[in-house]
Amino acid sequence: MSPGAGPTVDPDADFFYDYGTLRIGGLVFAGVIVLLSVFLLTGNRLRRCGKPKGKPGDGEN
């Protein structure tokens, strides 16, 4: 018997993409990234809220 004489079996025949779950997962991932980026961009402003901003040349020497 030669090694190529047997029937070919496709191991991925039962595999299918669940596009609904992929879409929801992608949207959740994108939403988390957007929220984290907004938080990081506005985080410095929130911490300095109410504090006076120093002048660029105003330093104690």
Protein backbone atom coordinates (compact mmCIF):
# COMPACT_ATOMS: atom_id res chain seq x y z
CA MET A 1 0.00 0.00 0.00
CA SER A 2 1.24 3.44 -0.80
CA PRO A 3 0.81 6.27 1.74
CA GLY A 4 -1.44 8.28 -0.61
CA ALA A 5 -3.90 5.45 -1.27
CA GLY A 6 -6.22 6.19 1.69
CA PRO A 7 -9.14 8.61 1.57
CA THR A 8 -8.28 12.23 2.27
CA VAL A 9 -9.85 13.62 5.42
CA ASP A 10 -10.31 17.36 5.89
CA PRO A 11 -9.72 18.10 9.61
CA ASP A 12 -11.37 21.53 9.26
CA ALA A 13 -14.60 20.25 7.71
CA ASP A 14 -16.64 20.83 10.88
CA PHE A 15 -15.19 24.28 11.57
CA PHE A 16 -17.31 27.38 10.94
CA TYR A 17 -17.03 31.02 11.95
CA ASP A 18 -19.60 32.39 14.36
CA TYR A 19 -19.79 35.86 12.81
CA GLY A 20 -22.28 37.18 15.37
CA THR A 21 -19.96 36.46 18.28
CA LEU A 22 -16.97 37.81 16.37
CA ARG A 23 -18.84 41.03 15.61
CA ILE A 24 -19.98 41.55 19.20
CA GLY A 25 -16.52 40.75 20.55
CA GLY A 26 -14.91 43.19 18.13
CA LEU A 27 -17.34 45.96 19.04
CA VAL A 28 -16.76 45.41 22.76
CA PHE A 29 -12.99 45.42 22.23
CA ALA A 30 -13.17 48.63 20.18
CA GLY A 31 -15.41 50.28 22.79
CA VAL A 32 -13.02 49.44 25.61
CA ILE A 33 -10.08 50.83 23.62
CA VAL A 34 -11.99 54.07 22.90
CA LEU A 35 -12.99 54.49 26.55
CA LEU A 36 -9.44 53.87 27.75
CA SER A 37 -8.03 56.36 25.28
CA VAL A 38 -10.55 59.04 26.29
CA PHE A 39 -9.78 58.38 29.95
CA LEU A 40 -6.03 58.64 29.34
CA LEU A 41 -6.36 61.83 27.30
CA THR A 42 -8.59 63.58 29.84
CA GLY A 43 -6.99 62.09 32.96
CA ASN A 44 -4.44 64.85 33.34
CA ARG A 45 -7.11 67.53 33.04
CA LEU A 46 -9.26 65.84 35.68
CA ARG A 47 -6.38 65.65 38.18
CA ARG A 48 -5.45 69.30 37.68
CA CYS A 49 -9.04 70.54 37.88
CA GLY A 50 -9.21 73.64 40.08
CA LYS A 51 -5.45 74.04 40.42
CA PRO A 52 -3.90 77.17 38.97
CA LYS A 53 -1.69 76.64 35.96
CA GLY A 54 1.84 77.90 36.39
CA LYS A 55 3.44 80.22 33.89
CA PRO A 56 6.18 78.64 31.74
CA GLY A 57 8.89 81.09 32.97
CA ASP A 58 7.68 81.14 36.58
CA GLY A 59 10.14 78.96 38.46
CA GLU A 60 11.95 79.38 41.71
CA ASN A 61 15.73 79.55 41.27
